[in-house]
Amino acid sequence: MALDILPAMPRPNAPRMITVLIAVALLAVGIAGTLIDPGTVNGFIRGLGLPNGLERDILGLVGDRTIAYACLFGSPMLLVIGSLLPGI
């Protein structure tokens, strides 16, 4: 009887797979930009064989510490938002 007066608790949903993949990509960029030696990251990205423009853009993103920390913060926040809002 006492349980009837408690408010309904929101139940989180599982985030969609695309949300999880984007969060993992953000986490990888954040870790590469903050924890791993920049020379190692640059060598790895150059070894992927990407087009020159795309390679330059990726190196610019990974090399910027502010963007790396924003990606580290954004990764778990995206998963939280994806679990609380349906369809994300």
PDB file of N, CA and C in Angstrom:
ATOM      1  N   MET A   1       0.824  -1.188   0.000  1.00  0.00           N
ATOM      2  CA  MET A   1       0.000   0.000   0.000  1.00  0.00           C
ATOM      3  C   MET A   1       0.872   1.257   0.000  1.00  0.00           C
ATOM      4  N   ALA A   2       1.980   1.224   0.726  1.00  0.00           N
ATOM      5  CA  ALA A   2       2.830   2.410   0.802  1.00  0.00           C
ATOM      6  C   ALA A   2       3.522   2.688  -0.531  1.00  0.00           C
ATOM      7  N   LEU A   3       3.695   1.679  -1.349  1.00  0.00           N
ATOM      8  CA  LEU A   3       4.354   1.863  -2.632  1.00  0.00           C
ATOM      9  C   LEU A   3       3.476   2.607  -3.631  1.00  0.00           C
ATOM     10  N   ASP A   4       2.189   2.649  -3.417  1.00  0.00           N
ATOM     11  CA  ASP A   4       1.276   3.319  -4.337  1.00  0.00           C
ATOM     12  C   ASP A   4       1.431   4.833  -4.325  1.00  0.00           C
ATOM     13  N   ILE A   5       1.960   5.409  -3.259  1.00  0.00           N
ATOM     14  CA  ILE A   5       2.047   6.867  -3.167  1.00  0.00           C
ATOM     15  C   ILE A   5       3.378   7.406  -3.677  1.00  0.00           C
ATOM     16  N   LEU A   6       4.334   6.527  -4.004  1.00  0.00           N
ATOM     17  CA  LEU A   6       5.608   6.975  -4.539  1.00  0.00           C
ATOM     18  C   LEU A   6       5.447   7.420  -5.983  1.00  0.00           C
ATOM     19  N   PRO A   7       6.143   8.497  -6.361  1.00  0.00           N
ATOM     20  CA  PRO A   7       6.041   8.924  -7.762  1.00  0.00           C
ATOM     21  C   PRO A   7       6.729   7.920  -8.687  1.00  0.00           C
ATOM     22  N   ALA A   8       6.290   7.897  -9.903  1.00  0.00           N
ATOM     23  CA  ALA A   8       6.874   6.988 -10.890  1.00  0.00           C
ATOM     24  C   ALA A   8       8.300   7.434 -11.213  1.00  0.00           C
ATOM     25  N   MET A   9       9.228   6.497 -11.182  1.00  0.00           N
ATOM     26  CA  MET A   9      10.627   6.793 -11.477  1.00  0.00           C
ATOM     27  C   MET A   9      10.854   6.659 -12.983  1.00  0.00           C
ATOM     28  N   PRO A  10      11.614   7.602 -13.560  1.00  0.00           N
ATOM     29  CA  PRO A  10      11.907   7.454 -14.992  1.00  0.00           C
ATOM     30  C   PRO A  10      12.842   6.272 -15.226  1.00  0.00           C
ATOM     31  N   ARG A  11      12.596   5.555 -16.274  1.00  0.00           N
ATOM     32  CA  ARG A  11      13.431   4.407 -16.603  1.00  0.00           C
ATOM     33  C   ARG A  11      14.263   4.746 -17.830  1.00  0.00           C
ATOM     34  N   PRO A  12      15.586   4.686 -17.684  1.00  0.00           N
ATOM     35  CA  PRO A  12      16.419   5.024 -18.841  1.00  0.00           C
ATOM     36  C   PRO A  12      16.310   3.968 -19.933  1.00  0.00           C
ATOM     37  N   ASN A  13      16.412   4.434 -21.151  1.00  0.00           N
ATOM     38  CA  ASN A  13      16.402   3.550 -22.313  1.00  0.00           C
ATOM     39  C   ASN A  13      17.839   3.272 -22.730  1.00  0.00           C
ATOM     40  N   ALA A  14      18.039   2.206 -23.435  1.00  0.00           N
ATOM     41  CA  ALA A  14      19.364   1.940 -23.986  1.00  0.00           C
ATOM     42  C   ALA A  14      19.603   2.887 -25.152  1.00  0.00           C
ATOM     43  N   PRO A  15      20.783   3.521 -25.220  1.00  0.00           N
ATOM     44  CA  PRO A  15      21.042   4.409 -26.353  1.00  0.00           C
ATOM     45  C   PRO A  15      21.124   3.613 -27.658  1.00  0.00           C
ATOM     46  N   ARG A  16      20.849   4.286 -28.761  1.00  0.00           N
ATOM     47  CA  ARG A  16      20.926   3.633 -30.067  1.00  0.00           C
ATOM     48  C   ARG A  16      22.387   3.333 -30.394  1.00  0.00           C
ATOM     49  N   MET A  17      22.613   2.394 -31.298  1.00  0.00           N
ATOM     50  CA  MET A  17      23.970   1.965 -31.627  1.00  0.00           C
ATOM     51  C   MET A  17      24.785   3.100 -32.248  1.00  0.00           C
ATOM     52  N   ILE A  18      24.161   3.950 -33.054  1.00  0.00           N
ATOM     53  CA  ILE A  18      24.896   5.064 -33.658  1.00  0.00           C
ATOM     54  C   ILE A  18      25.363   6.037 -32.581  1.00  0.00           C
ATOM     55  N   THR A  19      24.562   6.209 -31.527  1.00  0.00           N
ATOM     56  CA  THR A  19      24.964   7.067 -30.424  1.00  0.00           C
ATOM     57  C   THR A  19      26.173   6.483 -29.710  1.00  0.00           C
ATOM     58  N   VAL A  20      26.174   5.195 -29.515  1.00  0.00           N
ATOM     59  CA  VAL A  20      27.304   4.537 -28.862  1.00  0.00           C
ATOM     60  C   VAL A  20      28.562   4.643 -29.728  1.00  0.00           C
ATOM     61  N   LEU A  21      28.424   4.455 -31.036  1.00  0.00           N
ATOM     62  CA  LEU A  21      29.573   4.551 -31.931  1.00  0.00           C
ATOM     63  C   LEU A  21      30.152   5.969 -31.950  1.00  0.00           C
ATOM     64  N   ILE A  22      29.297   6.973 -31.962  1.00  0.00           N
ATOM     65  CA  ILE A  22      29.780   8.355 -31.922  1.00  0.00           C
ATOM     66  C   ILE A  22      30.473   8.636 -30.596  1.00  0.00           C
ATOM     67  N   ALA A  23      29.921   8.116 -29.506  1.00  0.00           N
ATOM     68  CA  ALA A  23      30.547   8.319 -28.197  1.00  0.00           C
ATOM     69  C   ALA A  23      31.916   7.651 -28.130  1.00  0.00           C
ATOM     70  N   VAL A  24      32.056   6.469 -28.705  1.00  0.00           N
ATOM     71  CA  VAL A  24      33.348   5.783 -28.728  1.00  0.00           C
ATOM     72  C   VAL A  24      34.346   6.562 -29.582  1.00  0.00           C
ATOM     73  N   ALA A  25      33.885   7.105 -30.713  1.00  0.00           N
ATOM     74  CA  ALA A  25      34.767   7.911 -31.558  1.00  0.00           C
ATOM     75  C   ALA A  25      35.221   9.173 -30.819  1.00  0.00           C
ATOM     76  N   LEU A  26      34.313   9.827 -30.118  1.00  0.00           N
ATOM     77  CA  LEU A  26      34.686  11.006 -29.331  1.00  0.00           C
ATOM     78  C   LEU A  26      35.693  10.643 -28.244  1.00  0.00           C
ATOM     79  N   LEU A  27      35.490   9.514 -27.613  1.00  0.00           N
ATOM     80  CA  LEU A  27      36.414   9.065 -26.583  1.00  0.00           C
ATOM     81  C   LEU A  27      37.796   8.794 -27.171  1.00  0.00           C
ATOM     82  N   ALA A  28      37.837   8.179 -28.341  1.00  0.00           N
ATOM     83  CA  ALA A  28      39.125   7.893 -28.982  1.00  0.00           C
ATOM     84  C   ALA A  28      39.860   9.177 -29.343  1.00  0.00           C
ATOM     85  N   VAL A  29      39.143  10.168 -29.864  1.00  0.00           N
ATOM     86  CA  VAL A  29      39.772  11.452 -30.190  1.00  0.00           C
ATOM     87  C   VAL A  29      40.263  12.133 -28.917  1.00  0.00           C
ATOM     88  N   GLY A  30      39.473  12.071 -27.866  1.00  0.00           N
ATOM     89  CA  GLY A  30      39.871  12.691 -26.605  1.00  0.00           C
ATOM     90  C   GLY A  30      41.096  12.041 -25.997  1.00  0.00           C
ATOM     91  N   ILE A  31      41.144  10.730 -26.013  1.00  0.00           N
ATOM     92  CA  ILE A  31      42.304  10.025 -25.456  1.00  0.00           C
ATOM     93  C   ILE A  31      43.539  10.268 -26.314  1.00  0.00           C
ATOM     94  N   ALA A  32      43.361  10.244 -27.638  1.00  0.00           N
ATOM     95  CA  ALA A  32      44.501  10.470 -28.530  1.00  0.00           C
ATOM     96  C   ALA A  32      45.055  11.874 -28.364  1.00  0.00           C
ATOM     97  N   GLY A  33      44.193  12.840 -28.072  1.00  0.00           N
ATOM     98  CA  GLY A  33      44.649  14.218 -27.948  1.00  0.00           C
ATOM     99  C   GLY A  33      45.198  14.584 -26.594  1.00  0.00           C
ATOM    100  N   THR A  34      44.932  13.777 -25.576  1.00  0.00           N
ATOM    101  CA  THR A  34      45.368  14.153 -24.228  1.00  0.00           C
ATOM    102  C   THR A  34      46.386  13.194 -23.623  1.00  0.00           C
ATOM    103  N   LEU A  35      46.259  11.915 -23.854  1.00  0.00           N
ATOM    104  CA  LEU A  35      47.088  10.952 -23.136  1.00  0.00           C
ATOM    105  C   LEU A  35      48.221  10.347 -23.953  1.00  0.00           C
ATOM    106  N   ILE A  36      48.044  10.245 -25.257  1.00  0.00           N
ATOM    107  CA  ILE A  36      49.025   9.570 -26.095  1.00  0.00           C
ATOM    108  C   ILE A  36      49.986  10.600 -26.685  1.00  0.00           C
ATOM    109  N   ASP A  37      51.234  10.201 -26.863  1.00  0.00           N
ATOM    110  CA  ASP A  37      52.267  11.069 -27.422  1.00  0.00           C
ATOM    111  C   ASP A  37      51.835  11.582 -28.798  1.00  0.00           C
ATOM    112  N   PRO A  38      51.931  12.904 -29.040  1.00  0.00           N
ATOM    113  CA  PRO A  38      51.492  13.456 -30.330  1.00  0.00           C
ATOM    114  C   PRO A  38      52.220  12.865 -31.540  1.00  0.00           C
ATOM    115  N   GLY A  39      53.494  12.520 -31.410  1.00  0.00           N
ATOM    116  CA  GLY A  39      54.219  11.921 -32.525  1.00  0.00           C
ATOM    117  C   GLY A  39      53.653  10.574 -32.917  1.00  0.00           C
ATOM    118  N   THR A  40      53.260   9.788 -31.939  1.00  0.00           N
ATOM    119  CA  THR A  40      52.659   8.479 -32.210  1.00  0.00           C
ATOM    120  C   THR A  40      51.321   8.628 -32.909  1.00  0.00           C
ATOM    121  N   VAL A  41      50.513   9.573 -32.435  1.00  0.00           N
ATOM    122  CA  VAL A  41      49.198   9.804 -33.038  1.00  0.00           C
ATOM    123  C   VAL A  41      49.353  10.300 -34.474  1.00  0.00           C
ATOM    124  N   ASN A  42      50.269  11.250 -34.685  1.00  0.00           N
ATOM    125  CA  ASN A  42      50.475  11.773 -36.040  1.00  0.00           C
ATOM    126  C   ASN A  42      50.945  10.683 -36.992  1.00  0.00           C
ATOM    127  N   GLY A  43      51.862   9.839 -36.545  1.00  0.00           N
ATOM    128  CA  GLY A  43      52.341   8.742 -37.380  1.00  0.00           C
ATOM    129  C   GLY A  43      51.247   7.749 -37.716  1.00  0.00           C
ATOM    130  N   PHE A  44      50.376   7.460 -36.750  1.00  0.00           N
ATOM    131  CA  PHE A  44      49.274   6.531 -36.977  1.00  0.00           C
ATOM    132  C   PHE A  44      48.293   7.097 -38.003  1.00  0.00           C
ATOM    133  N   ILE A  45      47.935   8.379 -37.837  1.00  0.00           N
ATOM    134  CA  ILE A  45      46.958   8.992 -38.748  1.00  0.00           C
ATOM    135  C   ILE A  45      47.541   9.096 -40.159  1.00  0.00           C
ATOM    136  N   ARG A  46      48.815   9.430 -40.265  1.00  0.00           N
ATOM    137  CA  ARG A  46      49.439   9.519 -41.590  1.00  0.00           C
ATOM    138  C   ARG A  46      49.536   8.146 -42.247  1.00  0.00           C
ATOM    139  N   GLY A  47      49.642   7.094 -41.466  1.00  0.00           N
ATOM    140  CA  GLY A  47      49.732   5.737 -42.000  1.00  0.00           C
ATOM    141  C   GLY A  47      48.407   5.163 -42.467  1.00  0.00           C
ATOM    142  N   LEU A  48      47.302   5.844 -42.190  1.00  0.00           N
ATOM    143  CA  LEU A  48      45.987   5.337 -42.600  1.00  0.00           C
ATOM    144  C   LEU A  48      45.734   5.475 -44.093  1.00  0.00           C
ATOM    145  N   GLY A  49      46.465   6.350 -44.767  1.00  0.00           N
ATOM    146  CA  GLY A  49      46.281   6.532 -46.195  1.00  0.00           C
ATOM    147  C   GLY A  49      45.042   7.331 -46.553  1.00  0.00           C
ATOM    148  N   LEU A  50      44.693   8.294 -45.720  1.00  0.00           N
ATOM    149  CA  LEU A  50      43.534   9.139 -45.982  1.00  0.00           C
ATOM    150  C   LEU A  50      43.881  10.215 -47.009  1.00  0.00           C
ATOM    151  N   PRO A  51      42.879  10.793 -47.665  1.00  0.00           N
ATOM    152  CA  PRO A  51      43.157  11.930 -48.550  1.00  0.00           C
ATOM    153  C   PRO A  51      43.803  13.072 -47.768  1.00  0.00           C
ATOM    154  N   ASN A  52      44.615  13.888 -48.462  1.00  0.00           N
ATOM    155  CA  ASN A  52      45.400  14.917 -47.787  1.00  0.00           C
ATOM    156  C   ASN A  52      44.550  15.905 -46.992  1.00  0.00           C
ATOM    157  N   GLY A  53      43.426  16.350 -47.546  1.00  0.00           N
ATOM    158  CA  GLY A  53      42.576  17.309 -46.845  1.00  0.00           C
ATOM    159  C   GLY A  53      41.985  16.724 -45.574  1.00  0.00           C
ATOM    160  N   LEU A  54      41.514  15.493 -45.648  1.00  0.00           N
ATOM    161  CA  LEU A  54      40.933  14.833 -44.481  1.00  0.00           C
ATOM    162  C   LEU A  54      41.990  14.558 -43.427  1.00  0.00           C
ATOM    163  N   GLU A  55      43.167  14.144 -43.871  1.00  0.00           N
ATOM    164  CA  GLU A  55      44.263  13.887 -42.940  1.00  0.00           C
ATOM    165  C   GLU A  55      44.654  15.162 -42.204  1.00  0.00           C
ATOM    166  N   ARG A  56      44.742  16.267 -42.926  1.00  0.00           N
ATOM    167  CA  ARG A  56      45.091  17.554 -42.314  1.00  0.00           C
ATOM    168  C   ARG A  56      44.045  17.976 -41.277  1.00  0.00           C
ATOM    169  N   ASP A  57      42.754  17.799 -41.611  1.00  0.00           N
ATOM    170  CA  ASP A  57      41.688  18.171 -40.686  1.00  0.00           C
ATOM    171  C   ASP A  57      41.716  17.312 -39.427  1.00  0.00           C
ATOM    172  N   ILE A  58      41.929  16.014 -39.583  1.00  0.00           N
ATOM    173  CA  ILE A  58      41.972  15.118 -38.429  1.00  0.00           C
ATOM    174  C   ILE A  58      43.169  15.443 -37.546  1.00  0.00           C
ATOM    175  N   LEU A  59      44.317  15.712 -38.144  1.00  0.00           N
ATOM    176  CA  LEU A  59      45.489  16.075 -37.354  1.00  0.00           C
ATOM    177  C   LEU A  59      45.257  17.382 -36.606  1.00  0.00           C
ATOM    178  N   GLY A  60      44.545  18.312 -37.214  1.00  0.00           N
ATOM    179  CA  GLY A  60      44.219  19.568 -36.540  1.00  0.00           C
ATOM    180  C   GLY A  60      43.282  19.357 -35.360  1.00  0.00           C
ATOM    181  N   LEU A  61      42.303  18.468 -35.522  1.00  0.00           N
ATOM    182  CA  LEU A  61      41.368  18.200 -34.427  1.00  0.00           C
ATOM    183  C   LEU A  61      42.046  17.482 -33.263  1.00  0.00           C
ATOM    184  N   VAL A  62      42.830  16.476 -33.578  1.00  0.00           N
ATOM    185  CA  VAL A  62      43.476  15.690 -32.524  1.00  0.00           C
ATOM    186  C   VAL A  62      44.566  16.511 -31.831  1.00  0.00           C
ATOM    187  N   GLY A  63      45.208  17.411 -32.576  1.00  0.00           N
ATOM    188  CA  GLY A  63      46.287  18.199 -32.001  1.00  0.00           C
ATOM    189  C   GLY A  63      45.826  19.320 -31.087  1.00  0.00           C
ATOM    190  N   ASP A  64      44.580  19.717 -31.159  1.00  0.00           N
ATOM    191  CA  ASP A  64      44.067  20.800 -30.321  1.00  0.00           C
ATOM    192  C   ASP A  64      43.603  20.236 -28.982  1.00  0.00           C
ATOM    193  N   ARG A  65      44.249  20.661 -27.900  1.00  0.00           N
ATOM    194  CA  ARG A  65      43.929  20.127 -26.568  1.00  0.00           C
ATOM    195  C   ARG A  65      42.513  20.481 -26.123  1.00  0.00           C
ATOM    196  N   THR A  66      42.042  21.667 -26.483  1.00  0.00           N
ATOM    197  CA  THR A  66      40.694  22.076 -26.071  1.00  0.00           C
ATOM    198  C   THR A  66      39.652  21.149 -26.678  1.00  0.00           C
ATOM    199  N   ILE A  67      39.806  20.827 -27.942  1.00  0.00           N
ATOM    200  CA  ILE A  67      38.865  19.919 -28.597  1.00  0.00           C
ATOM    201  C   ILE A  67      38.978  18.522 -27.998  1.00  0.00           C
ATOM    202  N   ALA A  68      40.198  18.104 -27.664  1.00  0.00           N
ATOM    203  CA  ALA A  68      40.381  16.779 -27.070  1.00  0.00           C
ATOM    204  C   ALA A  68      39.667  16.673 -25.728  1.00  0.00           C
ATOM    205  N   TYR A  69      39.803  17.710 -24.891  1.00  0.00           N
ATOM    206  CA  TYR A  69      39.109  17.673 -23.604  1.00  0.00           C
ATOM    207  C   TYR A  69      37.598  17.784 -23.783  1.00  0.00           C
ATOM    208  N   ALA A  70      37.152  18.544 -24.769  1.00  0.00           N
ATOM    209  CA  ALA A  70      35.715  18.627 -25.043  1.00  0.00           C
ATOM    210  C   ALA A  70      35.173  17.270 -25.490  1.00  0.00           C
ATOM    211  N   CYS A  71      35.950  16.541 -26.277  1.00  0.00           N
ATOM    212  CA  CYS A  71      35.531  15.197 -26.699  1.00  0.00           C
ATOM    213  C   CYS A  71      35.479  14.239 -25.512  1.00  0.00           C
ATOM    214  N   LEU A  72      36.453  14.358 -24.606  1.00  0.00           N
ATOM    215  CA  LEU A  72      36.428  13.512 -23.407  1.00  0.00           C
ATOM    216  C   LEU A  72      35.201  13.795 -22.551  1.00  0.00           C
ATOM    217  N   PHE A  73      34.800  15.046 -22.468  1.00  0.00           N
ATOM    218  CA  PHE A  73      33.614  15.407 -21.708  1.00  0.00           C
ATOM    219  C   PHE A  73      32.343  15.027 -22.462  1.00  0.00           C
ATOM    220  N   GLY A  74      32.356  15.201 -23.776  1.00  0.00           N
ATOM    221  CA  GLY A  74      31.159  14.964 -24.570  1.00  0.00           C
ATOM    222  C   GLY A  74      30.781  13.513 -24.726  1.00  0.00           C
ATOM    223  N   SER A  75      31.751  12.618 -24.653  1.00  0.00           N
ATOM    224  CA  SER A  75      31.468  11.198 -24.853  1.00  0.00           C
ATOM    225  C   SER A  75      30.490  10.638 -23.809  1.00  0.00           C
ATOM    226  N   PRO A  76      30.766  10.758 -22.517  1.00  0.00           N
ATOM    227  CA  PRO A  76      29.782  10.219 -21.565  1.00  0.00           C
ATOM    228  C   PRO A  76      28.496  11.036 -21.530  1.00  0.00           C
ATOM    229  N   MET A  77      28.584  12.340 -21.807  1.00  0.00           N
ATOM    230  CA  MET A  77      27.372  13.147 -21.817  1.00  0.00           C
ATOM    231  C   MET A  77      26.436  12.716 -22.944  1.00  0.00           C
ATOM    232  N   LEU A  78      26.999  12.348 -24.082  1.00  0.00           N
ATOM    233  CA  LEU A  78      26.185  11.860 -25.196  1.00  0.00           C
ATOM    234  C   LEU A  78      25.477  10.562 -24.817  1.00  0.00           C
ATOM    235  N   LEU A  79      26.159   9.691 -24.101  1.00  0.00           N
ATOM    236  CA  LEU A  79      25.523   8.441 -23.674  1.00  0.00           C
ATOM    237  C   LEU A  79      24.416   8.690 -22.649  1.00  0.00           C
ATOM    238  N   VAL A  80      24.624   9.636 -21.749  1.00  0.00           N
ATOM    239  CA  VAL A  80      23.592   9.964 -20.765  1.00  0.00           C
ATOM    240  C   VAL A  80      22.373  10.554 -21.465  1.00  0.00           C
ATOM    241  N   ILE A  81      22.615  11.491 -22.369  1.00  0.00           N
ATOM    242  CA  ILE A  81      21.498  12.095 -23.092  1.00  0.00           C
ATOM    243  C   ILE A  81      20.787  11.048 -23.947  1.00  0.00           C
ATOM    244  N   GLY A  82      21.560  10.144 -24.570  1.00  0.00           N
ATOM    245  CA  GLY A  82      20.964   9.099 -25.380  1.00  0.00           C
ATOM    246  C   GLY A  82      20.132   8.108 -24.579  1.00  0.00           C
ATOM    247  N   SER A  83      20.476   7.936 -23.311  1.00  0.00           N
ATOM    248  CA  SER A  83      19.687   7.002 -22.503  1.00  0.00           C
ATOM    249  C   SER A  83      18.454   7.671 -21.895  1.00  0.00           C
ATOM    250  N   LEU A  84      18.461   8.992 -21.783  1.00  0.00           N
ATOM    251  CA  LEU A  84      17.305   9.677 -21.186  1.00  0.00           C
ATOM    252  C   LEU A  84      16.292  10.157 -22.207  1.00  0.00           C
ATOM    253  N   LEU A  85      16.744  10.477 -23.400  1.00  0.00           N
ATOM    254  CA  LEU A  85      15.824  10.950 -24.436  1.00  0.00           C
ATOM    255  C   LEU A  85      15.581   9.831 -25.445  1.00  0.00           C
ATOM    256  N   PRO A  86      14.347   9.492 -25.704  1.00  0.00           N
ATOM    257  CA  PRO A  86      14.077   8.409 -26.656  1.00  0.00           C
ATOM    258  C   PRO A  86      14.426   8.833 -28.079  1.00  0.00           C
ATOM    259  N   GLY A  87      14.983   7.931 -28.844  1.00  0.00           N
ATOM    260  CA  GLY A  87      15.289   8.174 -30.235  1.00  0.00           C
ATOM    261  C   GLY A  87      16.663   8.746 -30.503  1.00  0.00           C
ATOM    262  N   ILE A  88      17.434   9.005 -29.468  1.00  0.00           N
ATOM    263  CA  ILE A  88      18.796   9.557 -29.655  1.00  0.00           C
ATOM    264  C   ILE A  88      19.806   8.478 -29.374  1.00  0.00           C
TER     265      ILE A  88
END
